[in-house]
Protein backbone atom coordinates (compact mmCIF):
# COMPACT_ATOMS: atom_id res chain seq x y z
CA UNK A 1 0.00 0.00 0.00
CA UNK A 2 1.30 3.43 -0.97
CA UNK A 3 1.38 5.99 1.85
CA UNK A 4 1.36 9.79 1.92
CA UNK A 5 1.85 12.40 4.63
CA UNK A 6 -0.81 14.90 5.60
CA UNK A 7 -0.35 18.01 7.77
CA UNK A 8 -3.39 18.28 10.01
CA UNK A 9 -4.05 21.73 11.46
CA UNK A 10 -7.03 23.60 12.85
CA UNK A 11 -10.16 21.37 12.85
CA UNK A 12 -8.24 18.25 11.75
CA UNK A 13 -6.43 18.26 15.09
CA UNK A 14 -9.66 17.00 16.65
CA UNK A 15 -9.76 13.22 16.33
CA UNK A 16 -13.47 12.84 15.39
CA UNK A 17 -13.13 15.44 12.62
CA UNK A 18 -9.89 13.92 11.30
CA UNK A 19 -11.38 10.39 11.24
CA UNK A 20 -14.35 11.59 9.19
CA UNK A 21 -12.01 12.42 6.30
CA UNK A 22 -8.85 10.38 6.91
CA UNK A 23 -10.09 7.28 8.76
CA UNK A 24 -6.81 5.34 8.51
CA UNK A 25 -4.41 8.17 9.33
CA UNK A 26 -1.62 7.40 11.80
CA UNK A 27 0.01 10.25 13.72
CA UNK A 28 3.79 10.54 13.31
CA UNK A 29 4.68 13.74 15.18
CA UNK A 30 3.58 17.25 16.04
CA UNK A 31 5.28 19.92 14.00
CA UNK A 32 5.10 23.29 12.31
CA UNK A 33 5.33 24.87 8.90
CA UNK A 34 7.60 27.94 8.94
CA UNK A 35 6.39 31.16 7.33
CA UNK A 36 2.80 29.89 7.32
CA UNK A 37 -0.13 31.27 9.28
CA UNK A 38 -3.47 29.68 10.16
CA UNK A 39 -6.30 32.09 9.46
CA UNK A 40 -10.09 32.08 9.41
CA UNK A 41 -11.33 33.22 6.03
CA UNK A 42 -14.45 33.34 3.94
CA UNK A 43 -14.35 32.26 0.32
CA UNK A 44 -14.85 34.48 -2.70
CA UNK A 45 -18.64 34.66 -3.02
CA UNK A 46 -19.28 33.05 0.40
CA UNK A 47 -18.50 35.50 3.17
CA UNK A 48 -21.20 34.80 5.74
CA UNK A 49 -18.92 32.27 7.46
CA UNK A 50 -15.27 31.31 7.62
CA UNK A 51 -13.14 28.19 7.38
CA UNK A 52 -9.61 27.31 8.39
CA UNK A 53 -7.04 28.45 5.87
CA UNK A 54 -3.26 28.21 5.82
CA UNK A 55 -1.60 31.29 4.38
CA UNK A 56 1.94 31.27 3.00
CA UNK A 57 1.89 34.79 1.53
CA UNK A 58 3.87 37.84 2.67
CA UNK A 59 1.61 38.30 5.72
CA UNK A 60 2.71 34.88 7.00
CA UNK A 61 6.44 35.68 7.11
CA UNK A 62 7.81 34.90 10.55
CA UNK A 63 4.76 32.90 11.67
CA UNK A 64 4.48 29.17 12.27
CA UNK A 65 1.43 27.04 11.53
CA UNK A 66 1.29 24.24 14.11
CA UNK A 67 -0.24 20.83 13.56
CA UNK A 68 0.39 17.11 13.34
CA UNK A 69 1.98 15.03 10.59
CA UNK A 70 -0.13 11.99 9.71
CA UNK A 71 0.62 9.09 7.42
CA UNK A 72 -2.33 7.75 5.42
CA UNK A 73 -3.19 5.54 2.43
CA UNK A 74 -2.63 7.36 -0.86
CA UNK A 75 -6.25 6.68 -1.90
CA UNK A 76 -7.42 9.27 0.69
CA UNK A 77 -5.64 11.95 -1.35
CA UNK A 78 -8.36 11.67 -4.00
CA UNK A 79 -11.12 13.16 -1.82
CA UNK A 80 -12.21 16.59 -3.08
CA UNK A 81 -13.98 19.33 -1.13
CA UNK A 82 -15.64 22.24 -2.94
CA UNK A 83 -13.77 25.49 -2.32
CA UNK A 84 -10.58 23.78 -1.13
CA UNK A 85 -7.34 22.87 -2.85
CA UNK A 86 -4.54 20.50 -2.01
CA UNK A 87 -1.43 22.37 -0.93
CA UNK A 88 2.08 20.97 -0.47
CA UNK A 89 4.41 22.17 2.27
CA UNK A 90 7.43 21.26 4.37
CA UNK A 91 6.80 20.50 8.03
CA UNK A 92 9.45 20.52 10.74
CA UNK A 93 8.59 17.72 13.14
CA UNK A 94 9.13 17.86 16.88
CA UNK A 95 10.97 14.56 16.39
CA UNK A 96 13.75 16.42 14.52
CA UNK A 97 12.73 15.17 11.07
CA UNK A 98 11.50 17.20 8.09
CA UNK A 99 8.38 16.01 6.26
CA UNK A 100 7.01 16.71 2.80
CA UNK A 101 3.27 16.92 3.39
CA UNK A 102 0.07 18.02 1.80
CA UNK A 103 -2.94 19.69 3.37
CA UNK A 104 -6.19 21.39 2.41
CA UNK A 105 -6.60 25.15 2.24
CA UNK A 106 -9.14 27.49 0.70
CA UNK A 107 -8.72 27.87 -3.05
CA UNK A 108 -10.12 31.43 -3.09
CA UNK A 109 -9.81 32.90 0.40
CA UNK A 110 -11.44 36.26 1.03
CA UNK A 111 -12.01 38.42 4.11
CA UNK A 112 -11.28 37.40 7.68
CA UNK A 113 -14.50 35.87 9.04
CA UNK A 114 -15.07 33.43 11.89
CA UNK A 115 -16.34 29.93 11.27
CA UNK A 116 -19.62 28.83 12.85
CA UNK A 117 -19.50 27.53 16.41
CA UNK A 118 -19.85 23.83 15.48
CA UNK A 119 -16.74 24.16 13.30
CA UNK A 120 -14.72 26.33 15.69
CA UNK A 121 -15.22 23.92 18.61
CA UNK A 122 -12.94 21.39 16.87
CA UNK A 123 -10.01 23.80 17.08
CA UNK A 124 -9.63 24.23 20.88
CA UNK A 125 -10.61 20.58 21.40
CA UNK A 126 -7.82 19.42 19.07
CA UNK A 127 -5.24 21.80 20.49
CA UNK A 128 -6.03 20.51 23.98
CA UNK A 129 -6.00 16.84 22.95
CA UNK A 130 -2.55 17.23 21.40
CA UNK A 131 -1.23 19.32 24.32
CA UNK A 132 -0.21 22.27 22.19
CA UNK A 133 1.31 25.11 24.18
CA UNK A 134 -0.76 27.92 25.62
CA UNK A 135 1.10 30.27 23.27
CA UNK A 136 -0.08 28.31 20.19
CA UNK A 137 -3.66 28.08 21.52
CA UNK A 138 -3.76 31.78 22.40
CA UNK A 139 -2.43 32.68 18.95
CA UNK A 140 -5.26 30.83 17.24
CA UNK A 141 -7.81 32.29 19.62
CA UNK A 142 -6.51 35.79 18.85
CA UNK A 143 -6.80 35.08 15.10
CA UNK A 144 -10.37 33.84 15.64
CA UNK A 145 -11.34 36.87 17.73
CA UNK A 146 -9.82 39.31 15.22
CA UNK A 147 -12.06 37.96 12.44
CA UNK A 148 -15.53 39.32 11.76
CA UNK A 149 -18.24 37.19 13.42
CA UNK A 150 -20.07 34.61 11.33
CA UNK A 151 -23.50 35.77 10.12
CA UNK A 152 -25.18 32.72 11.69
CA UNK A 153 -22.74 31.35 14.28
CA UNK A 154 -24.95 28.37 15.15
CA UNK A 155 -25.38 27.21 11.53
C-alpha atoms as a PDB file:
ATOM      1  CA  UNK A   1       0.000   0.000   0.000  1.00  0.00           C
ATOM      2  CA  UNK A   2       1.299   3.427  -0.971  1.00  0.00           C
ATOM      3  CA  UNK A   3       1.377   5.995   1.847  1.00  0.00           C
ATOM      4  CA  UNK A   4       1.356   9.787   1.923  1.00  0.00           C
ATOM      5  CA  UNK A   5       1.849  12.397   4.631  1.00  0.00           C
ATOM      6  CA  UNK A   6      -0.807  14.900   5.600  1.00  0.00           C
ATOM      7  CA  UNK A   7      -0.348  18.009   7.765  1.00  0.00           C
ATOM      8  CA  UNK A   8      -3.388  18.285  10.013  1.00  0.00           C
ATOM      9  CA  UNK A   9      -4.048  21.728  11.463  1.00  0.00           C
ATOM     10  CA  UNK A  10      -7.031  23.604  12.845  1.00  0.00           C
ATOM     11  CA  UNK A  11     -10.159  21.371  12.851  1.00  0.00           C
ATOM     12  CA  UNK A  12      -8.245  18.247  11.745  1.00  0.00           C
ATOM     13  CA  UNK A  13      -6.432  18.258  15.088  1.00  0.00           C
ATOM     14  CA  UNK A  14      -9.660  16.999  16.654  1.00  0.00           C
ATOM     15  CA  UNK A  15      -9.756  13.217  16.329  1.00  0.00           C
ATOM     16  CA  UNK A  16     -13.465  12.836  15.385  1.00  0.00           C
ATOM     17  CA  UNK A  17     -13.130  15.442  12.624  1.00  0.00           C
ATOM     18  CA  UNK A  18      -9.892  13.918  11.301  1.00  0.00           C
ATOM     19  CA  UNK A  19     -11.376  10.394  11.237  1.00  0.00           C
ATOM     20  CA  UNK A  20     -14.349  11.589   9.185  1.00  0.00           C
ATOM     21  CA  UNK A  21     -12.015  12.422   6.298  1.00  0.00           C
ATOM     22  CA  UNK A  22      -8.849  10.378   6.907  1.00  0.00           C
ATOM     23  CA  UNK A  23     -10.086   7.279   8.762  1.00  0.00           C
ATOM     24  CA  UNK A  24      -6.811   5.338   8.508  1.00  0.00           C
ATOM     25  CA  UNK A  25      -4.407   8.172   9.334  1.00  0.00           C
ATOM     26  CA  UNK A  26      -1.621   7.400  11.797  1.00  0.00           C
ATOM     27  CA  UNK A  27       0.014  10.246  13.716  1.00  0.00           C
ATOM     28  CA  UNK A  28       3.793  10.541  13.309  1.00  0.00           C
ATOM     29  CA  UNK A  29       4.676  13.742  15.176  1.00  0.00           C
ATOM     30  CA  UNK A  30       3.577  17.247  16.043  1.00  0.00           C
ATOM     31  CA  UNK A  31       5.283  19.919  14.001  1.00  0.00           C
ATOM     32  CA  UNK A  32       5.100  23.290  12.310  1.00  0.00           C
ATOM     33  CA  UNK A  33       5.333  24.873   8.899  1.00  0.00           C
ATOM     34  CA  UNK A  34       7.603  27.936   8.944  1.00  0.00           C
ATOM     35  CA  UNK A  35       6.387  31.160   7.329  1.00  0.00           C
ATOM     36  CA  UNK A  36       2.798  29.891   7.322  1.00  0.00           C
ATOM     37  CA  UNK A  37      -0.133  31.273   9.282  1.00  0.00           C
ATOM     38  CA  UNK A  38      -3.466  29.677  10.164  1.00  0.00           C
ATOM     39  CA  UNK A  39      -6.304  32.094   9.455  1.00  0.00           C
ATOM     40  CA  UNK A  40     -10.086  32.078   9.413  1.00  0.00           C
ATOM     41  CA  UNK A  41     -11.333  33.219   6.026  1.00  0.00           C
ATOM     42  CA  UNK A  42     -14.454  33.337   3.939  1.00  0.00           C
ATOM     43  CA  UNK A  43     -14.352  32.263   0.317  1.00  0.00           C
ATOM     44  CA  UNK A  44     -14.851  34.476  -2.700  1.00  0.00           C
ATOM     45  CA  UNK A  45     -18.640  34.659  -3.023  1.00  0.00           C
ATOM     46  CA  UNK A  46     -19.280  33.046   0.399  1.00  0.00           C
ATOM     47  CA  UNK A  47     -18.498  35.500   3.165  1.00  0.00           C
ATOM     48  CA  UNK A  48     -21.198  34.798   5.744  1.00  0.00           C
ATOM     49  CA  UNK A  49     -18.915  32.268   7.458  1.00  0.00           C
ATOM     50  CA  UNK A  50     -15.267  31.310   7.618  1.00  0.00           C
ATOM     51  CA  UNK A  51     -13.145  28.188   7.377  1.00  0.00           C
ATOM     52  CA  UNK A  52      -9.607  27.312   8.394  1.00  0.00           C
ATOM     53  CA  UNK A  53      -7.044  28.452   5.868  1.00  0.00           C
ATOM     54  CA  UNK A  54      -3.259  28.209   5.825  1.00  0.00           C
ATOM     55  CA  UNK A  55      -1.603  31.292   4.376  1.00  0.00           C
ATOM     56  CA  UNK A  56       1.936  31.269   2.998  1.00  0.00           C
ATOM     57  CA  UNK A  57       1.895  34.786   1.529  1.00  0.00           C
ATOM     58  CA  UNK A  58       3.870  37.836   2.667  1.00  0.00           C
ATOM     59  CA  UNK A  59       1.607  38.303   5.720  1.00  0.00           C
ATOM     60  CA  UNK A  60       2.711  34.882   6.997  1.00  0.00           C
ATOM     61  CA  UNK A  61       6.436  35.684   7.113  1.00  0.00           C
ATOM     62  CA  UNK A  62       7.815  34.902  10.552  1.00  0.00           C
ATOM     63  CA  UNK A  63       4.758  32.904  11.666  1.00  0.00           C
ATOM     64  CA  UNK A  64       4.482  29.168  12.268  1.00  0.00           C
ATOM     65  CA  UNK A  65       1.431  27.037  11.528  1.00  0.00           C
ATOM     66  CA  UNK A  66       1.286  24.241  14.112  1.00  0.00           C
ATOM     67  CA  UNK A  67      -0.235  20.834  13.564  1.00  0.00           C
ATOM     68  CA  UNK A  68       0.385  17.106  13.344  1.00  0.00           C
ATOM     69  CA  UNK A  69       1.977  15.032  10.586  1.00  0.00           C
ATOM     70  CA  UNK A  70      -0.132  11.993   9.712  1.00  0.00           C
ATOM     71  CA  UNK A  71       0.625   9.089   7.419  1.00  0.00           C
ATOM     72  CA  UNK A  72      -2.330   7.755   5.417  1.00  0.00           C
ATOM     73  CA  UNK A  73      -3.192   5.538   2.431  1.00  0.00           C
ATOM     74  CA  UNK A  74      -2.634   7.364  -0.862  1.00  0.00           C
ATOM     75  CA  UNK A  75      -6.254   6.681  -1.899  1.00  0.00           C
ATOM     76  CA  UNK A  76      -7.418   9.266   0.688  1.00  0.00           C
ATOM     77  CA  UNK A  77      -5.636  11.950  -1.353  1.00  0.00           C
ATOM     78  CA  UNK A  78      -8.362  11.669  -4.003  1.00  0.00           C
ATOM     79  CA  UNK A  79     -11.119  13.155  -1.817  1.00  0.00           C
ATOM     80  CA  UNK A  80     -12.214  16.586  -3.075  1.00  0.00           C
ATOM     81  CA  UNK A  81     -13.984  19.329  -1.132  1.00  0.00           C
ATOM     82  CA  UNK A  82     -15.643  22.235  -2.941  1.00  0.00           C
ATOM     83  CA  UNK A  83     -13.773  25.490  -2.319  1.00  0.00           C
ATOM     84  CA  UNK A  84     -10.584  23.781  -1.127  1.00  0.00           C
ATOM     85  CA  UNK A  85      -7.344  22.874  -2.852  1.00  0.00           C
ATOM     86  CA  UNK A  86      -4.537  20.503  -2.006  1.00  0.00           C
ATOM     87  CA  UNK A  87      -1.425  22.374  -0.930  1.00  0.00           C
ATOM     88  CA  UNK A  88       2.079  20.971  -0.474  1.00  0.00           C
ATOM     89  CA  UNK A  89       4.407  22.173   2.269  1.00  0.00           C
ATOM     90  CA  UNK A  90       7.429  21.259   4.366  1.00  0.00           C
ATOM     91  CA  UNK A  91       6.799  20.503   8.025  1.00  0.00           C
ATOM     92  CA  UNK A  92       9.446  20.516  10.738  1.00  0.00           C
ATOM     93  CA  UNK A  93       8.594  17.716  13.143  1.00  0.00           C
ATOM     94  CA  UNK A  94       9.133  17.862  16.882  1.00  0.00           C
ATOM     95  CA  UNK A  95      10.965  14.563  16.386  1.00  0.00           C
ATOM     96  CA  UNK A  96      13.748  16.424  14.519  1.00  0.00           C
ATOM     97  CA  UNK A  97      12.729  15.170  11.065  1.00  0.00           C
ATOM     98  CA  UNK A  98      11.497  17.196   8.092  1.00  0.00           C
ATOM     99  CA  UNK A  99       8.379  16.010   6.257  1.00  0.00           C
ATOM    100  CA  UNK A 100       7.008  16.708   2.797  1.00  0.00           C
ATOM    101  CA  UNK A 101       3.270  16.920   3.393  1.00  0.00           C
ATOM    102  CA  UNK A 102       0.070  18.023   1.795  1.00  0.00           C
ATOM    103  CA  UNK A 103      -2.941  19.687   3.371  1.00  0.00           C
ATOM    104  CA  UNK A 104      -6.186  21.394   2.409  1.00  0.00           C
ATOM    105  CA  UNK A 105      -6.604  25.152   2.237  1.00  0.00           C
ATOM    106  CA  UNK A 106      -9.142  27.489   0.700  1.00  0.00           C
ATOM    107  CA  UNK A 107      -8.724  27.873  -3.046  1.00  0.00           C
ATOM    108  CA  UNK A 108     -10.122  31.430  -3.095  1.00  0.00           C
ATOM    109  CA  UNK A 109      -9.814  32.901   0.402  1.00  0.00           C
ATOM    110  CA  UNK A 110     -11.444  36.256   1.031  1.00  0.00           C
ATOM    111  CA  UNK A 111     -12.008  38.422   4.108  1.00  0.00           C
ATOM    112  CA  UNK A 112     -11.281  37.395   7.685  1.00  0.00           C
ATOM    113  CA  UNK A 113     -14.498  35.874   9.044  1.00  0.00           C
ATOM    114  CA  UNK A 114     -15.072  33.434  11.887  1.00  0.00           C
ATOM    115  CA  UNK A 115     -16.337  29.929  11.270  1.00  0.00           C
ATOM    116  CA  UNK A 116     -19.621  28.835  12.847  1.00  0.00           C
ATOM    117  CA  UNK A 117     -19.502  27.529  16.413  1.00  0.00           C
ATOM    118  CA  UNK A 118     -19.849  23.826  15.478  1.00  0.00           C
ATOM    119  CA  UNK A 119     -16.741  24.164  13.298  1.00  0.00           C
ATOM    120  CA  UNK A 120     -14.717  26.330  15.686  1.00  0.00           C
ATOM    121  CA  UNK A 121     -15.224  23.921  18.614  1.00  0.00           C
ATOM    122  CA  UNK A 122     -12.940  21.387  16.871  1.00  0.00           C
ATOM    123  CA  UNK A 123     -10.011  23.802  17.084  1.00  0.00           C
ATOM    124  CA  UNK A 124      -9.635  24.235  20.880  1.00  0.00           C
ATOM    125  CA  UNK A 125     -10.606  20.576  21.396  1.00  0.00           C
ATOM    126  CA  UNK A 126      -7.824  19.423  19.067  1.00  0.00           C
ATOM    127  CA  UNK A 127      -5.237  21.803  20.493  1.00  0.00           C
ATOM    128  CA  UNK A 128      -6.026  20.510  23.978  1.00  0.00           C
ATOM    129  CA  UNK A 129      -5.997  16.841  22.949  1.00  0.00           C
ATOM    130  CA  UNK A 130      -2.545  17.228  21.396  1.00  0.00           C
ATOM    131  CA  UNK A 131      -1.231  19.318  24.320  1.00  0.00           C
ATOM    132  CA  UNK A 132      -0.211  22.267  22.188  1.00  0.00           C
ATOM    133  CA  UNK A 133       1.306  25.109  24.179  1.00  0.00           C
ATOM    134  CA  UNK A 134      -0.756  27.921  25.622  1.00  0.00           C
ATOM    135  CA  UNK A 135       1.101  30.265  23.267  1.00  0.00           C
ATOM    136  CA  UNK A 136      -0.084  28.309  20.191  1.00  0.00           C
ATOM    137  CA  UNK A 137      -3.661  28.079  21.518  1.00  0.00           C
ATOM    138  CA  UNK A 138      -3.757  31.777  22.396  1.00  0.00           C
ATOM    139  CA  UNK A 139      -2.427  32.680  18.952  1.00  0.00           C
ATOM    140  CA  UNK A 140      -5.256  30.830  17.235  1.00  0.00           C
ATOM    141  CA  UNK A 141      -7.810  32.288  19.625  1.00  0.00           C
ATOM    142  CA  UNK A 142      -6.512  35.795  18.845  1.00  0.00           C
ATOM    143  CA  UNK A 143      -6.803  35.080  15.101  1.00  0.00           C
ATOM    144  CA  UNK A 144     -10.374  33.841  15.636  1.00  0.00           C
ATOM    145  CA  UNK A 145     -11.340  36.866  17.730  1.00  0.00           C
ATOM    146  CA  UNK A 146      -9.823  39.305  15.216  1.00  0.00           C
ATOM    147  CA  UNK A 147     -12.063  37.964  12.439  1.00  0.00           C
ATOM    148  CA  UNK A 148     -15.534  39.323  11.760  1.00  0.00           C
ATOM    149  CA  UNK A 149     -18.242  37.192  13.423  1.00  0.00           C
ATOM    150  CA  UNK A 150     -20.068  34.612  11.331  1.00  0.00           C
ATOM    151  CA  UNK A 151     -23.505  35.766  10.122  1.00  0.00           C
ATOM    152  CA  UNK A 152     -25.180  32.716  11.687  1.00  0.00           C
ATOM    153  CA  UNK A 153     -22.738  31.354  14.276  1.00  0.00           C
ATOM    154  CA  UNK A 154     -24.953  28.367  15.150  1.00  0.00           C
ATOM    155  CA  UNK A 155     -25.377  27.214  11.530  1.00  0.00           C
END
